[in-house]
Protein backbone atom coordinates (compact mmCIF):
# COMPACT_ATOMS: atom_id res chain seq x y z
CA UNK A 1 115.91 158.21 137.00
CA UNK A 2 117.14 161.02 139.24
CA UNK A 3 114.68 163.55 140.53
CA UNK A 4 116.21 166.99 140.86
CA UNK A 5 114.41 169.76 142.72
CA UNK A 6 115.14 173.40 141.94
CA UNK A 7 112.91 175.27 144.45
CA UNK A 8 112.85 178.66 142.70
CA UNK A 9 110.64 180.90 140.67
CA UNK A 10 113.04 182.91 138.54
CA UNK A 11 115.70 184.06 141.03
CA UNK A 12 113.45 183.84 144.11
CA UNK A 13 113.81 180.79 146.32
CA UNK A 14 110.51 179.04 147.21
CA UNK A 15 111.11 177.05 150.28
CA UNK A 16 107.45 176.08 150.55
CA UNK A 17 107.00 175.00 146.90
CA UNK A 18 104.76 171.99 146.64
CA UNK A 19 106.06 169.42 144.17
CA UNK A 20 104.59 166.11 142.98
CA UNK A 21 107.79 164.09 143.39
CA UNK A 22 110.18 163.26 146.18
CA UNK A 23 113.52 164.67 145.11
CA UNK A 24 116.84 162.75 145.17
CA UNK A 25 118.88 165.97 144.83
CA UNK A 26 117.96 169.60 145.70
CA UNK A 27 119.87 172.42 143.94
CA UNK A 28 120.18 175.67 145.88
CA UNK A 29 122.68 178.50 145.43
CA UNK A 30 123.73 181.52 147.35
CA UNK A 31 122.90 184.07 144.65
CA UNK A 32 124.80 187.30 144.31
CA UNK A 33 123.26 190.69 144.45
CA UNK A 34 122.53 192.23 141.08
CA UNK A 35 120.17 191.93 138.15
CA UNK A 36 117.91 188.85 137.90
CA UNK A 37 119.51 187.56 134.72
CA UNK A 38 122.90 187.30 136.38
CA UNK A 39 121.38 185.65 139.39
CA UNK A 40 119.47 183.12 137.23
CA UNK A 41 122.66 182.45 135.21
CA UNK A 42 124.42 181.42 138.46
CA UNK A 43 121.53 179.25 139.51
CA UNK A 44 121.24 177.53 136.16
CA UNK A 45 124.98 176.89 136.13
CA UNK A 46 124.43 174.73 139.15
CA UNK A 47 121.41 173.08 137.49
CA UNK A 48 123.39 172.37 134.32
CA UNK A 49 126.22 170.80 136.32
CA UNK A 50 123.78 168.56 138.22
CA UNK A 51 122.07 167.48 134.99
CA UNK A 52 125.31 166.81 133.26
CA UNK A 53 126.67 164.82 136.12
CA UNK A 54 123.43 162.75 136.23
CA UNK A 55 123.52 162.03 132.52
CA UNK A 56 127.19 161.09 132.54
CA UNK A 57 126.44 158.76 135.33
CA UNK A 58 123.94 156.85 133.15
CA UNK A 59 120.78 158.19 134.79
CA UNK A 60 118.01 160.32 133.39
CA UNK A 61 117.10 163.55 135.11
CA UNK A 62 113.68 164.80 135.95
CA UNK A 63 114.06 168.46 137.00
CA UNK A 64 111.19 169.97 139.02
CA UNK A 65 111.03 173.71 139.69
CA UNK A 66 108.64 176.62 140.02
CA UNK A 67 108.95 178.03 136.58
CA UNK A 68 109.99 177.36 132.98
CA UNK A 69 113.22 179.29 132.82
CA UNK A 70 114.99 176.51 134.70
CA UNK A 71 114.84 174.74 131.33
CA UNK A 72 117.86 176.81 130.29
CA UNK A 73 119.92 175.08 132.84
CA UNK A 74 118.49 171.60 131.93
CA UNK A 75 119.23 171.96 128.22
CA UNK A 76 122.66 173.39 128.91
CA UNK A 77 123.39 170.31 131.12
CA UNK A 78 122.35 167.93 128.40
CA UNK A 79 124.68 169.76 125.99
CA UNK A 80 127.50 169.65 128.54
CA UNK A 81 127.01 165.90 128.68
CA UNK A 82 127.48 165.69 124.95
CA UNK A 83 123.82 165.47 123.79
CA UNK A 84 122.16 167.59 121.20
CA UNK A 85 118.49 167.66 122.34
CA UNK A 86 115.43 168.70 120.46
CA UNK A 87 112.53 170.12 122.62
CA UNK A 88 108.95 169.06 123.10
CA UNK A 89 107.37 171.95 125.12
CA UNK A 90 103.95 171.55 126.83
CA UNK A 91 102.55 174.85 127.98
CA UNK A 92 99.38 176.92 128.00
CA UNK A 93 101.57 179.88 126.94
CA UNK A 94 104.05 180.39 124.19
CA UNK A 95 106.98 181.48 126.32
CA UNK A 96 108.40 183.22 123.19
CA UNK A 97 108.19 186.75 124.35
CA UNK A 98 111.21 189.12 124.25
CA UNK A 99 112.30 192.08 126.31
CA UNK A 100 111.15 194.24 123.38
CA UNK A 101 107.66 192.62 123.06
CA UNK A 102 106.52 191.80 126.55
CA UNK A 103 103.75 193.92 127.91
CA UNK A 104 104.00 192.62 131.40
CA UNK A 105 107.81 192.48 131.79
CA UNK A 106 107.54 188.98 133.16
CA UNK A 107 110.89 187.20 132.59
CA UNK A 108 109.26 183.80 132.80
CA UNK A 109 107.49 184.40 129.47
CA UNK A 110 110.78 184.14 127.48
CA UNK A 111 112.57 180.86 128.07
CA UNK A 112 111.62 179.02 124.78
CA UNK A 113 112.53 182.16 122.80
CA UNK A 114 115.90 182.12 124.63
CA UNK A 115 116.44 178.42 123.96
CA UNK A 116 116.16 179.06 120.22
CA UNK A 117 118.73 181.90 120.26
CA UNK A 118 117.26 185.10 121.54
CA UNK A 119 119.68 187.43 123.51
CA UNK A 120 122.38 184.76 124.37
CA UNK A 121 124.10 187.39 126.41
CA UNK A 122 121.47 187.15 129.08
CA UNK A 123 121.88 183.54 130.16
CA UNK A 124 122.88 181.22 127.35
CA UNK A 125 126.34 182.76 126.82
CA UNK A 126 127.42 182.49 130.46
CA UNK A 127 126.11 178.85 130.41
CA UNK A 128 127.72 177.93 127.13
CA UNK A 129 124.26 177.03 125.91
CA UNK A 130 123.99 176.59 122.13
CA UNK A 131 120.76 177.61 120.48
CA UNK A 132 118.33 174.84 119.50
CA UNK A 133 117.15 175.19 115.90
CA UNK A 134 113.56 176.29 115.64
CA UNK A 135 112.67 173.30 113.41
CA UNK A 136 113.73 170.99 116.28
CA UNK A 137 111.11 172.34 118.65
CA UNK A 138 107.46 171.24 119.05
CA UNK A 139 105.19 173.59 121.05
CA UNK A 140 102.21 171.76 122.43
CA UNK A 141 98.89 173.57 123.17
CA UNK A 142 99.99 177.22 123.70
CA UNK A 143 96.45 178.51 123.65
CA UNK A 144 97.13 181.75 125.46
CA UNK A 145 99.32 183.88 123.27
CA UNK A 146 99.89 187.63 123.12
CA UNK A 147 99.87 189.28 119.65
CA UNK A 148 103.71 189.49 119.36
CA UNK A 149 103.92 185.71 120.13
CA UNK A 150 101.32 185.00 117.48
CA UNK A 151 103.27 187.01 114.88
CA UNK A 152 106.53 185.31 115.82
CA UNK A 153 105.15 181.78 115.67
CA UNK A 154 103.52 182.46 112.32
CA UNK A 155 106.97 183.02 110.78
CA UNK A 156 109.09 180.69 112.99
CA UNK A 157 109.89 177.09 112.06
CA UNK A 158 108.66 175.87 115.47
CA UNK A 159 106.08 173.14 115.00
CA UNK A 160 102.76 173.50 116.78
CA UNK A 161 100.53 170.66 117.98
CA UNK A 162 97.56 170.11 120.18
CA UNK A 163 97.62 167.72 123.06
CA UNK A 164 95.26 165.24 121.28
CA UNK A 165 97.10 165.31 117.93
CA UNK A 166 100.67 164.98 119.23
CA UNK A 167 102.17 161.72 117.92
CA UNK A 168 105.58 160.11 117.87
CA UNK A 169 105.65 160.53 114.08
CA UNK A 170 105.63 164.33 114.45
CA UNK A 171 108.58 164.65 116.81
CA UNK A 172 112.07 165.79 115.94
CA UNK A 173 114.85 163.31 115.51
CA UNK A 174 117.45 162.55 118.17
CA UNK A 175 117.31 162.91 121.90
CA UNK A 176 114.42 164.92 123.41
CA UNK A 177 114.04 167.36 126.25
CA UNK A 178 110.46 166.98 127.32
CA UNK A 179 109.20 170.10 129.10
CA UNK A 180 105.88 170.19 131.03
CA UNK A 181 104.45 173.40 132.34
CA UNK A 182 101.50 172.17 134.33
CA UNK A 183 99.49 175.21 133.48
CA UNK A 184 98.85 173.38 130.15
CA UNK A 185 96.13 171.66 132.17
CA UNK A 186 92.79 173.45 132.27
CA UNK A 187 92.44 175.34 135.58
CA UNK A 188 89.14 173.57 136.31
CA UNK A 189 91.17 170.38 136.58
CA UNK A 190 94.12 171.80 138.53
CA UNK A 191 93.82 174.27 141.40
CA UNK A 192 96.01 177.21 142.32
CA UNK A 193 97.81 177.99 139.02
CA UNK A 194 99.66 181.27 138.88
CA UNK A 195 98.66 181.95 135.29
CA UNK A 196 95.54 179.94 134.58
CA UNK A 197 94.41 179.64 131.00
CA UNK A 198 90.80 178.39 130.60
CA UNK A 199 89.84 176.13 127.72
CA UNK A 200 92.69 173.66 127.96
CA UNK A 201 92.87 169.85 128.18
CA UNK A 202 92.29 167.89 131.38
CA UNK A 203 95.12 166.30 133.27
CA UNK A 204 94.48 162.82 131.90
CA UNK A 205 94.81 163.76 128.19
CA UNK A 206 98.01 165.69 128.97
CA UNK A 207 99.52 162.72 130.72
CA UNK A 208 98.50 160.37 127.81
CA UNK A 209 100.31 162.71 125.44
CA UNK A 210 103.41 162.77 127.63
CA UNK A 211 103.35 158.99 127.56
CA UNK A 212 103.41 158.97 123.75
CA UNK A 213 106.55 161.10 123.84
CA UNK A 214 108.15 159.01 126.53
CA UNK A 215 107.21 155.86 124.56
CA UNK A 216 109.72 156.90 121.80
CA UNK A 217 112.50 155.87 124.09
CA UNK A 218 114.36 159.08 123.16
CA UNK A 219 113.54 161.29 126.09
CA UNK A 220 116.84 162.35 127.66
CA UNK A 221 115.42 164.64 130.43
CA UNK A 222 112.09 165.79 131.69
CA UNK A 223 111.41 169.25 133.10
CA UNK A 224 108.35 169.86 135.21
CA UNK A 225 107.29 173.45 135.98
CA UNK A 226 105.04 173.52 139.05
CA UNK A 227 103.62 176.90 138.19
CA UNK A 228 101.06 177.07 141.04
CA UNK A 229 100.72 178.68 144.40
CA UNK A 230 101.58 176.50 147.39
CA UNK A 231 99.05 174.87 149.68
CA UNK A 232 96.18 174.55 147.23
CA UNK A 233 96.44 170.82 146.46
CA UNK A 234 97.90 170.94 142.95
CA UNK A 235 100.96 168.75 143.73
CA UNK A 236 98.75 166.06 145.36
CA UNK A 237 96.43 166.08 142.37
CA UNK A 238 99.30 165.67 139.85
CA UNK A 239 101.44 163.17 141.83
CA UNK A 240 99.75 159.86 140.89
CA UNK A 241 99.49 160.81 137.24
CA UNK A 242 103.15 161.96 137.03
CA UNK A 243 104.31 158.86 138.91
CA UNK A 244 102.55 156.62 136.42
CA UNK A 245 103.93 158.27 133.31
CA UNK A 246 107.47 158.49 134.69
CA UNK A 247 107.32 154.89 135.76
CA UNK A 248 107.28 153.99 132.04
CA UNK A 249 110.54 155.99 131.64
CA UNK A 250 112.55 154.20 134.35
């Protein structure tokens, strides 16, 4: 396993980001001036190249960053390496907003929607990222949804599961990209989250569910979104749990 750190939130570098792993590789890029989508596309091109090189070398990447949009680079990298990954996405939020539906304008609320084909001109096109079919995506938890996300998910082929009822039998075929936004954990169990969503599972049930996915032997890459504010102890709280579940993946 190769641990890859991408110390960014969207196009903002986070030099003080607390992470629960010790990285083997850190990806940083001198980003151009301009709109954030172009800047992120440049960053994720470097992420994709690092992921693809890791996979071609026979290792499995764990990519740790400060947001969920880095997943665009991870999935692109798996595709560059010749894989066709399905997605298992743990998140308190849906991440299926669009520029037309978002009330907040937050770009980090859109990556899963982009992975299944929304607005390829923004990032996917420049990366050569092919859309993942909705029916090859499992969204886990997603308890905090805006009305447009509810409406989209009601008609989409994306499968939805709770943390406790996620099983290997309900996963898509083929290689898997396993994505963990740590705000899936209830904020009472994890301090300092940027977008806390009460009413979620504890850290231990989340890790147990991750273990069931990893236990399939089909996880090609893991993405970990450390969506918390630095210096509040979240990384230290997560580290032993993440170390344990990733040890089963080595």
